[in-house]
Amino acid sequence: MPSVSTRRPSTDSARINLRTSPEAKALIERAAALMGATVSSYISQTMYETSQRVVADQDTLMLSQADFEVFISTCENPPEPTEALIELMRLSR
């Protein structure tokens, strides 16, 4: 399962252009100023962190304790392969 990197973005740069409402722009500028950051660095860091959470949410599978125990048990004691599975494996060679 891929994991989300917790490292900061590199110092290399790539451009992203976006349009927004004047209200959103003013709010973003205010938030950046409150954080002592430039608008560009504030947007970049905020979107990077948000993107990490979105990707992690999609890459993470949550199981109940009972389902987890069934999963582990099946991994540790796999069932015998069926004829259909054996045939499928023959076809995939």
Protein backbone atom coordinates (compact mmCIF):
# COMPACT_ATOMS: atom_id res chain seq x y z
CA MET A 1 0.00 0.00 0.00
CA PRO A 2 1.53 3.37 -0.95
CA SER A 3 2.19 5.72 1.89
CA VAL A 4 2.06 9.46 2.02
CA SER A 5 5.39 11.18 2.46
CA THR A 6 5.72 13.34 5.53
CA ARG A 7 8.67 15.27 4.14
CA ARG A 8 8.32 18.84 3.01
CA PRO A 9 8.11 19.70 -0.68
CA SER A 10 11.48 20.20 -2.34
CA THR A 11 12.91 23.64 -2.94
CA ASP A 12 12.51 23.13 -6.69
CA SER A 13 9.51 25.00 -7.98
CA ALA A 14 6.67 24.39 -10.39
CA ARG A 15 3.95 26.87 -11.22
CA ILE A 16 0.25 26.46 -10.48
CA ASN A 17 -2.10 29.21 -11.56
CA LEU A 18 -5.51 29.63 -10.01
CA ARG A 19 -8.37 32.07 -10.00
CA THR A 20 -10.49 32.83 -6.97
CA SER A 21 -13.05 35.31 -5.73
CA PRO A 22 -11.92 38.62 -4.26
CA GLU A 23 -13.33 37.50 -0.89
CA ALA A 24 -11.31 34.28 -0.90
CA LYS A 25 -8.17 36.17 -1.97
CA ALA A 26 -8.57 38.66 0.88
CA LEU A 27 -9.07 35.87 3.41
CA ILE A 28 -6.05 33.95 2.13
CA GLU A 29 -3.91 37.10 2.26
CA ARG A 30 -5.05 37.75 5.84
CA ALA A 31 -4.34 34.17 6.93
CA ALA A 32 -0.90 34.25 5.29
CA ALA A 33 -0.08 37.52 7.05
CA LEU A 34 -1.21 36.08 10.39
CA MET A 35 1.10 33.11 9.82
CA GLY A 36 3.99 35.39 8.81
CA ALA A 37 4.15 33.79 5.38
CA THR A 38 3.89 34.95 1.82
CA VAL A 39 0.63 34.19 0.07
CA SER A 40 2.47 31.81 -2.25
CA SER A 41 4.19 29.86 0.53
CA TYR A 42 1.00 29.82 2.63
CA ILE A 43 -1.09 28.43 -0.25
CA SER A 44 1.63 25.96 -1.21
CA GLN A 45 2.11 24.58 2.30
CA THR A 46 -1.62 24.49 3.10
CA MET A 47 -2.51 22.71 -0.12
CA TYR A 48 0.39 20.28 0.28
CA GLU A 49 -0.74 19.31 3.80
CA THR A 50 -4.37 19.05 2.71
CA SER A 51 -3.38 16.92 -0.27
CA GLN A 52 -1.41 14.59 2.00
CA ARG A 53 -4.52 14.06 4.16
CA VAL A 54 -6.75 13.45 1.12
CA VAL A 55 -4.35 10.87 -0.30
CA ALA A 56 -3.87 9.20 3.09
CA ASP A 57 -7.64 8.97 3.57
CA GLN A 58 -7.96 7.23 0.22
CA ASP A 59 -4.98 4.92 0.80
CA THR A 60 -6.00 3.83 4.30
CA LEU A 61 -8.30 0.89 4.85
CA MET A 62 -10.04 0.83 8.21
CA LEU A 63 -11.28 -2.50 9.57
CA SER A 64 -13.20 -3.38 12.69
CA GLN A 65 -11.31 -5.53 15.16
CA ALA A 66 -13.38 -8.58 14.09
CA ASP A 67 -12.68 -7.99 10.39
CA PHE A 68 -8.99 -7.46 11.12
CA GLU A 69 -8.84 -10.77 12.98
CA VAL A 70 -10.54 -12.57 10.06
CA PHE A 71 -8.05 -10.96 7.65
CA ILE A 72 -5.02 -11.98 9.74
CA SER A 73 -6.38 -15.47 10.22
CA THR A 74 -6.92 -15.87 6.48
CA CYS A 75 -3.39 -14.60 5.76
CA GLU A 76 -1.88 -16.98 8.29
CA ASN A 77 -4.08 -19.94 7.27
CA PRO A 78 -5.03 -19.47 3.64
CA PRO A 79 -7.69 -21.79 2.21
CA GLU A 80 -6.70 -24.44 -0.30
CA PRO A 81 -6.84 -23.10 -3.88
CA THR A 82 -9.95 -23.99 -5.85
CA GLU A 83 -9.81 -25.58 -9.30
CA ALA A 84 -10.91 -22.24 -10.80
CA LEU A 85 -7.98 -20.47 -9.13
CA ILE A 86 -5.53 -23.14 -10.23
CA GLU A 87 -6.81 -22.83 -13.82
CA LEU A 88 -6.58 -19.04 -13.67
CA MET A 89 -2.98 -19.26 -12.51
CA ARG A 90 -2.18 -21.60 -15.40
CA LEU A 91 -3.64 -19.06 -17.84
CA SER A 92 -1.62 -16.18 -16.41
CA ARG A 93 1.77 -17.77 -17.15
